[in-house]
Amino acid sequence: MEHDEPLDHVARIQADWRRERPELDIAPQGVIGRLHRLGARITEELCLVYGRYGLSEGEFDVLCALRRAGEPYERAPGELAAHTMVTTGAMTKRIDRLERAGLVTRRRSHDDQRGRIVALTTPGHDLIDEAFAAHMQNERRLLDLLAPAEAAALETLLKTWLARVEPPGASADRRH
């Protein structure tokens, strides 16, 4: 098999599997393996920006979920967990850290005294507005590695594939 360019990491793995298990269809590995590697690489690039603002990826997600809620920028912890697709236990740890940093506050719910509400503070609002703008610039930088037509085609393919893999209504709104 001749190649005009060197084999990438996934192609080398596929070549090994073709040699070792020629009876298996390893073609899906070409897409899934590259998506997995790309996802990990993109996450690294995104986390660099979050880190500049003293935030982890999870903390960034929580602040985004609060900011997207609109005035008065608050949600119940259970809502935050649903909007960021994490367990309530993990959410509690994130909220604790953000509260210690002065970026969110917790109070009792007016509707249900047993319930709690998490709200952005003014410093939290200012920080997430700045961090989100930098995040969008970073995502633009990464997407601009593709031609506009390539990016549009990829978005269409990913949207179609995700709709077939993810049950209806399961997407919550984790997108920052």
Protein backbone atom coordinates (compact mmCIF):
# COMPACT_ATOMS: atom_id res chain seq x y z
CA MET A 1 0.00 0.00 0.00
CA GLU A 2 1.60 3.28 -1.12
CA HIS A 3 0.94 6.62 0.53
CA ASP A 4 1.72 10.13 -0.70
CA GLU A 5 2.08 11.29 2.91
CA PRO A 6 3.28 9.56 6.06
CA LEU A 7 0.76 7.47 8.01
CA ASP A 8 -0.83 9.26 10.92
CA HIS A 9 -1.13 7.63 14.35
CA VAL A 10 -4.51 6.03 13.61
CA ALA A 11 -3.38 4.71 10.22
CA ARG A 12 -0.36 3.07 11.87
CA ILE A 13 -2.62 1.38 14.40
CA GLN A 14 -4.95 0.24 11.61
CA ALA A 15 -2.00 -1.18 9.66
CA ASP A 16 -0.99 -3.19 12.73
CA TRP A 17 -4.54 -4.54 13.16
CA ARG A 18 -4.81 -5.38 9.46
CA ARG A 19 -1.66 -7.45 9.86
CA GLU A 20 -2.76 -9.09 13.13
CA ARG A 21 -6.50 -9.51 12.46
CA PRO A 22 -7.04 -9.30 8.69
CA GLU A 23 -10.50 -10.88 9.03
CA LEU A 24 -11.87 -7.87 10.98
CA ASP A 25 -13.30 -4.71 9.44
CA ILE A 26 -11.19 -2.05 11.12
CA ALA A 27 -12.40 0.77 8.85
CA PRO A 28 -14.55 2.36 11.62
CA GLN A 29 -11.38 2.90 13.62
CA GLY A 30 -10.29 5.42 11.00
CA VAL A 31 -13.18 7.72 11.87
CA ILE A 32 -13.71 6.92 15.54
CA GLY A 33 -10.00 6.88 16.38
CA ARG A 34 -9.40 10.21 14.69
CA LEU A 35 -12.47 11.77 16.35
CA HIS A 36 -11.25 10.52 19.70
CA ARG A 37 -7.75 11.92 19.17
CA LEU A 38 -9.13 15.20 17.82
CA GLY A 39 -11.53 15.51 20.76
CA ALA A 40 -8.70 15.03 23.24
CA ARG A 41 -6.50 17.54 21.41
CA ILE A 42 -9.29 20.12 21.21
CA THR A 43 -10.04 19.67 24.92
CA GLU A 44 -6.37 20.38 25.71
CA GLU A 45 -6.50 23.57 23.62
CA LEU A 46 -9.75 24.71 25.26
CA CYS A 47 -8.46 24.00 28.78
CA LEU A 48 -5.47 26.25 28.17
CA VAL A 49 -7.86 29.21 27.82
CA TYR A 50 -9.93 28.19 30.86
CA GLY A 51 -6.72 27.97 32.87
CA ARG A 52 -5.79 31.54 31.99
CA TYR A 53 -8.89 32.55 33.94
CA GLY A 54 -8.17 30.22 36.86
CA LEU A 55 -10.95 27.84 35.84
CA SER A 56 -11.20 24.14 35.18
CA GLU A 57 -13.33 22.91 32.29
CA GLY A 58 -16.12 21.99 34.74
CA GLU A 59 -16.05 25.34 36.49
CA PHE A 60 -16.16 27.11 33.14
CA ASP A 61 -19.24 25.01 32.24
CA VAL A 62 -21.01 25.97 35.49
CA LEU A 63 -20.34 29.67 35.01
CA CYS A 64 -21.52 29.44 31.39
CA ALA A 65 -24.73 27.68 32.44
CA LEU A 66 -25.42 30.45 34.96
CA ARG A 67 -24.59 33.22 32.48
CA ARG A 68 -26.79 31.65 29.77
CA ALA A 69 -29.71 31.55 32.23
CA GLY A 70 -30.09 35.32 31.81
CA GLU A 71 -31.02 37.76 34.57
CA PRO A 72 -30.72 37.13 37.48
CA TYR A 73 -28.08 34.54 36.39
CA GLU A 74 -29.08 31.77 38.75
CA ARG A 75 -30.17 28.13 38.70
CA ALA A 76 -30.82 25.35 41.19
CA PRO A 77 -27.91 22.92 41.59
CA GLY A 78 -29.95 20.13 39.99
CA GLU A 79 -30.58 22.34 36.96
CA LEU A 80 -26.88 23.12 36.74
CA ALA A 81 -26.08 19.40 36.84
CA ALA A 82 -28.53 18.79 33.99
CA HIS A 83 -27.19 21.71 31.96
CA THR A 84 -23.60 20.56 32.35
CA MET A 85 -24.22 16.79 32.25
CA VAL A 86 -22.48 15.97 35.54
CA THR A 87 -23.64 14.30 38.74
CA THR A 88 -24.99 16.41 41.56
CA GLY A 89 -22.01 15.29 43.70
CA ALA A 90 -19.55 16.59 41.14
CA MET A 91 -21.64 19.76 40.83
CA THR A 92 -21.41 20.36 44.58
CA LYS A 93 -17.60 20.28 44.42
CA ARG A 94 -17.56 22.73 41.51
CA ILE A 95 -19.97 25.09 43.26
CA ASP A 96 -17.92 24.90 46.48
CA ARG A 97 -14.76 25.92 44.60
CA LEU A 98 -16.53 28.72 42.70
CA GLU A 99 -18.12 29.99 45.91
CA ARG A 100 -14.73 30.04 47.69
CA ALA A 101 -13.38 32.06 44.75
CA GLY A 102 -16.23 34.58 45.11
CA LEU A 103 -17.64 33.80 41.66
CA VAL A 104 -20.99 32.38 42.80
CA THR A 105 -23.21 32.54 45.87
CA ARG A 106 -25.70 30.04 47.29
CA ARG A 107 -28.96 30.91 48.96
CA ARG A 108 -32.19 29.23 49.91
CA SER A 109 -34.88 29.12 47.25
CA HIS A 110 -37.76 31.55 47.73
CA ASP A 111 -40.17 28.88 46.42
CA ASP A 112 -38.85 25.96 48.47
CA GLN A 113 -36.92 26.66 51.66
CA ARG A 114 -35.27 23.22 51.40
CA GLY A 115 -33.99 24.06 47.91
CA ARG A 116 -30.86 26.02 47.09
CA ILE A 117 -30.12 28.50 44.35
CA VAL A 118 -26.69 29.23 42.89
CA ALA A 119 -26.15 32.68 41.42
CA LEU A 120 -23.31 34.47 39.65
CA THR A 121 -21.69 37.26 41.63
CA THR A 122 -20.61 40.44 39.84
CA PRO A 123 -16.99 39.21 39.71
CA GLY A 124 -18.25 35.84 38.41
CA HIS A 125 -20.32 37.56 35.73
CA ASP A 126 -17.38 39.72 34.65
CA LEU A 127 -14.98 36.77 34.63
CA ILE A 128 -17.22 34.48 32.56
CA ASP A 129 -17.98 37.25 30.07
CA GLU A 130 -14.26 37.76 29.52
CA ALA A 131 -13.41 34.04 29.57
CA PHE A 132 -16.23 33.16 27.18
CA ALA A 133 -15.10 35.80 24.67
CA ALA A 134 -11.58 34.32 24.80
CA HIS A 135 -13.08 30.82 24.48
CA MET A 136 -14.96 31.80 21.33
CA GLN A 137 -11.79 33.33 19.84
CA ASN A 138 -9.98 30.08 20.62
CA GLU A 139 -12.71 27.96 19.02
CA ARG A 140 -12.60 30.23 15.95
CA ARG A 141 -8.81 29.75 15.77
CA LEU A 142 -9.24 25.97 15.88
CA LEU A 143 -12.08 25.90 13.35
CA ASP A 144 -10.19 28.20 10.99
CA LEU A 145 -7.75 25.34 10.43
CA LEU A 146 -10.48 24.14 8.02
CA ALA A 147 -11.75 25.96 4.97
CA PRO A 148 -15.24 27.45 5.50
CA ALA A 149 -16.83 24.82 3.23
CA GLU A 150 -15.03 22.03 5.12
CA ALA A 151 -16.21 23.40 8.48
CA ALA A 152 -19.81 23.67 7.23
CA ALA A 153 -19.74 20.13 5.81
CA LEU A 154 -18.26 18.78 9.04
CA GLU A 155 -20.89 20.53 11.14
CA THR A 156 -23.66 19.02 9.01
CA LEU A 157 -22.17 15.53 9.27
CA LEU A 158 -21.64 15.78 13.02
CA LYS A 159 -25.14 17.14 13.59
CA THR A 160 -26.66 14.29 11.59
CA TRP A 161 -24.54 11.63 13.31
CA LEU A 162 -25.17 13.03 16.79
CA ALA A 163 -28.93 13.10 16.17
CA ARG A 164 -28.77 9.38 15.31
CA VAL A 165 -26.61 8.45 18.30
CA GLU A 166 -28.09 10.67 21.00
CA PRO A 167 -31.65 10.05 22.14
CA PRO A 168 -34.05 12.96 21.47
CA GLY A 169 -33.96 15.51 24.26
CA ALA A 170 -30.74 14.06 25.75
CA SER A 171 -28.51 16.88 24.59
CA ALA A 172 -29.52 19.23 27.46
CA ASP A 173 -27.66 22.39 26.55
CA ARG A 174 -24.07 21.74 27.60
CA ARG A 175 -22.73 23.79 24.72
CA HIS A 176 -20.96 26.74 26.36
